[in-house]
């Protein structure tokens, strides 16, 4: 079963291919861009590890090693949600 984000990324890939094919320059911004590029730049990364990889890449140097490790472990845990299906 595809998730909403994976469906969005599939549409994004189609649009990007068509823009490239037409010779139109484009740029991704915002959270979709962050998700898209984080996935592409972490070959083999599982979806569960992406929040941890993003944190370490962009904020890892802002913390001492012990704090960074605690945050990274916390981000690797599954997220619980009270929200039902969308």
C-alpha atoms as a PDB file:
ATOM      1  CA  UNK A   1       0.000   0.000   0.000  1.00  0.00           C
ATOM      2  CA  UNK A   2       1.464   3.363  -1.023  1.00  0.00           C
ATOM      3  CA  UNK A   3       1.569   6.210   1.447  1.00  0.00           C
ATOM      4  CA  UNK A   4       0.454   9.740   0.652  1.00  0.00           C
ATOM      5  CA  UNK A   5       4.084  10.942   0.636  1.00  0.00           C
ATOM      6  CA  UNK A   6       5.225   8.192  -1.724  1.00  0.00           C
ATOM      7  CA  UNK A   7       2.336   9.075  -4.063  1.00  0.00           C
ATOM      8  CA  UNK A   8       3.383  12.735  -3.904  1.00  0.00           C
ATOM      9  CA  UNK A   9       6.957  11.789  -4.745  1.00  0.00           C
ATOM     10  CA  UNK A  10       5.807   9.699  -7.716  1.00  0.00           C
ATOM     11  CA  UNK A  11       3.830  12.678  -9.064  1.00  0.00           C
ATOM     12  CA  UNK A  12       6.831  14.912  -8.410  1.00  0.00           C
ATOM     13  CA  UNK A  13       9.063  12.574 -10.426  1.00  0.00           C
ATOM     14  CA  UNK A  14       6.631  12.640 -13.362  1.00  0.00           C
ATOM     15  CA  UNK A  15       6.402  16.439 -13.294  1.00  0.00           C
ATOM     16  CA  UNK A  16      10.185  16.789 -13.020  1.00  0.00           C
ATOM     17  CA  UNK A  17      10.718  14.457 -15.989  1.00  0.00           C
ATOM     18  CA  UNK A  18       8.262  16.443 -18.098  1.00  0.00           C
ATOM     19  CA  UNK A  19       9.851  19.764 -17.139  1.00  0.00           C
ATOM     20  CA  UNK A  20      13.326  18.418 -17.959  1.00  0.00           C
ATOM     21  CA  UNK A  21      12.011  17.017 -21.233  1.00  0.00           C
ATOM     22  CA  UNK A  22      10.619  20.432 -22.152  1.00  0.00           C
ATOM     23  CA  UNK A  23      13.891  22.143 -21.203  1.00  0.00           C
ATOM     24  CA  UNK A  24      12.262  24.081 -18.356  1.00  0.00           C
ATOM     25  CA  UNK A  25      14.419  24.787 -15.319  1.00  0.00           C
ATOM     26  CA  UNK A  26      12.767  24.134 -11.959  1.00  0.00           C
ATOM     27  CA  UNK A  27      13.575  24.115  -8.254  1.00  0.00           C
ATOM     28  CA  UNK A  28      12.014  22.282  -5.318  1.00  0.00           C
ATOM     29  CA  UNK A  29      11.497  24.148  -2.064  1.00  0.00           C
ATOM     30  CA  UNK A  30      10.062  23.508   1.371  1.00  0.00           C
ATOM     31  CA  UNK A  31       9.322  20.235   3.102  1.00  0.00           C
ATOM     32  CA  UNK A  32       8.675  18.289  -0.107  1.00  0.00           C
ATOM     33  CA  UNK A  33      12.126  19.264  -1.351  1.00  0.00           C
ATOM     34  CA  UNK A  34      13.702  18.289   1.947  1.00  0.00           C
ATOM     35  CA  UNK A  35      12.013  14.881   1.889  1.00  0.00           C
ATOM     36  CA  UNK A  36      12.829  14.342  -1.779  1.00  0.00           C
ATOM     37  CA  UNK A  37      16.492  15.228  -1.528  1.00  0.00           C
ATOM     38  CA  UNK A  38      17.006  13.482   1.809  1.00  0.00           C
ATOM     39  CA  UNK A  39      15.766  10.232   0.303  1.00  0.00           C
ATOM     40  CA  UNK A  40      17.829  10.588  -2.855  1.00  0.00           C
ATOM     41  CA  UNK A  41      21.034  11.466  -1.023  1.00  0.00           C
ATOM     42  CA  UNK A  42      20.801   8.574   1.417  1.00  0.00           C
ATOM     43  CA  UNK A  43      21.002   5.561  -0.901  1.00  0.00           C
ATOM     44  CA  UNK A  44      19.600   2.491   0.780  1.00  0.00           C
ATOM     45  CA  UNK A  45      18.182   4.453   3.717  1.00  0.00           C
ATOM     46  CA  UNK A  46      14.952   3.033   5.044  1.00  0.00           C
ATOM     47  CA  UNK A  47      12.054   5.463   5.550  1.00  0.00           C
ATOM     48  CA  UNK A  48      12.368   4.912   9.299  1.00  0.00           C
ATOM     49  CA  UNK A  49      15.969   6.223   9.250  1.00  0.00           C
ATOM     50  CA  UNK A  50      15.337   9.357   7.226  1.00  0.00           C
ATOM     51  CA  UNK A  51      14.417  11.653  10.186  1.00  0.00           C
ATOM     52  CA  UNK A  52      17.620  10.562  11.924  1.00  0.00           C
ATOM     53  CA  UNK A  53      19.713  11.123   8.782  1.00  0.00           C
ATOM     54  CA  UNK A  54      18.219  14.600   8.264  1.00  0.00           C
ATOM     55  CA  UNK A  55      18.913  15.551  11.884  1.00  0.00           C
ATOM     56  CA  UNK A  56      22.503  14.330  11.749  1.00  0.00           C
ATOM     57  CA  UNK A  57      23.205  16.025   8.431  1.00  0.00           C
ATOM     58  CA  UNK A  58      21.786  19.441   9.278  1.00  0.00           C
ATOM     59  CA  UNK A  59      21.992  19.691  13.078  1.00  0.00           C
ATOM     60  CA  UNK A  60      24.458  17.051  14.252  1.00  0.00           C
ATOM     61  CA  UNK A  61      27.349  19.487  14.680  1.00  0.00           C
ATOM     62  CA  UNK A  62      25.247  21.720  16.936  1.00  0.00           C
ATOM     63  CA  UNK A  63      25.295  19.189  19.800  1.00  0.00           C
ATOM     64  CA  UNK A  64      27.923  17.396  21.849  1.00  0.00           C
ATOM     65  CA  UNK A  65      28.339  13.704  21.083  1.00  0.00           C
ATOM     66  CA  UNK A  66      26.259  12.383  24.013  1.00  0.00           C
ATOM     67  CA  UNK A  67      23.319  14.707  23.252  1.00  0.00           C
ATOM     68  CA  UNK A  68      23.543  14.023  19.522  1.00  0.00           C
ATOM     69  CA  UNK A  69      23.456  10.264  20.167  1.00  0.00           C
ATOM     70  CA  UNK A  70      20.404  10.540  22.459  1.00  0.00           C
ATOM     71  CA  UNK A  71      18.520  12.619  19.879  1.00  0.00           C
ATOM     72  CA  UNK A  72      19.470  10.250  17.057  1.00  0.00           C
ATOM     73  CA  UNK A  73      18.266   7.224  19.061  1.00  0.00           C
ATOM     74  CA  UNK A  74      15.009   9.022  19.840  1.00  0.00           C
ATOM     75  CA  UNK A  75      14.447   9.823  16.157  1.00  0.00           C
ATOM     76  CA  UNK A  76      15.006   6.189  15.206  1.00  0.00           C
ATOM     77  CA  UNK A  77      12.051   5.051  17.350  1.00  0.00           C
ATOM     78  CA  UNK A  78       8.680   4.520  15.670  1.00  0.00           C
ATOM     79  CA  UNK A  79       6.336   7.491  15.943  1.00  0.00           C
ATOM     80  CA  UNK A  80       3.021   6.877  17.644  1.00  0.00           C
ATOM     81  CA  UNK A  81       0.037   8.799  16.430  1.00  0.00           C
ATOM     82  CA  UNK A  82      -3.504   9.170  17.714  1.00  0.00           C
ATOM     83  CA  UNK A  83      -4.692  10.122  14.252  1.00  0.00           C
ATOM     84  CA  UNK A  84      -6.771   7.651  12.329  1.00  0.00           C
ATOM     85  CA  UNK A  85      -6.491   6.939   8.631  1.00  0.00           C
ATOM     86  CA  UNK A  86      -6.421   9.967   6.386  1.00  0.00           C
END
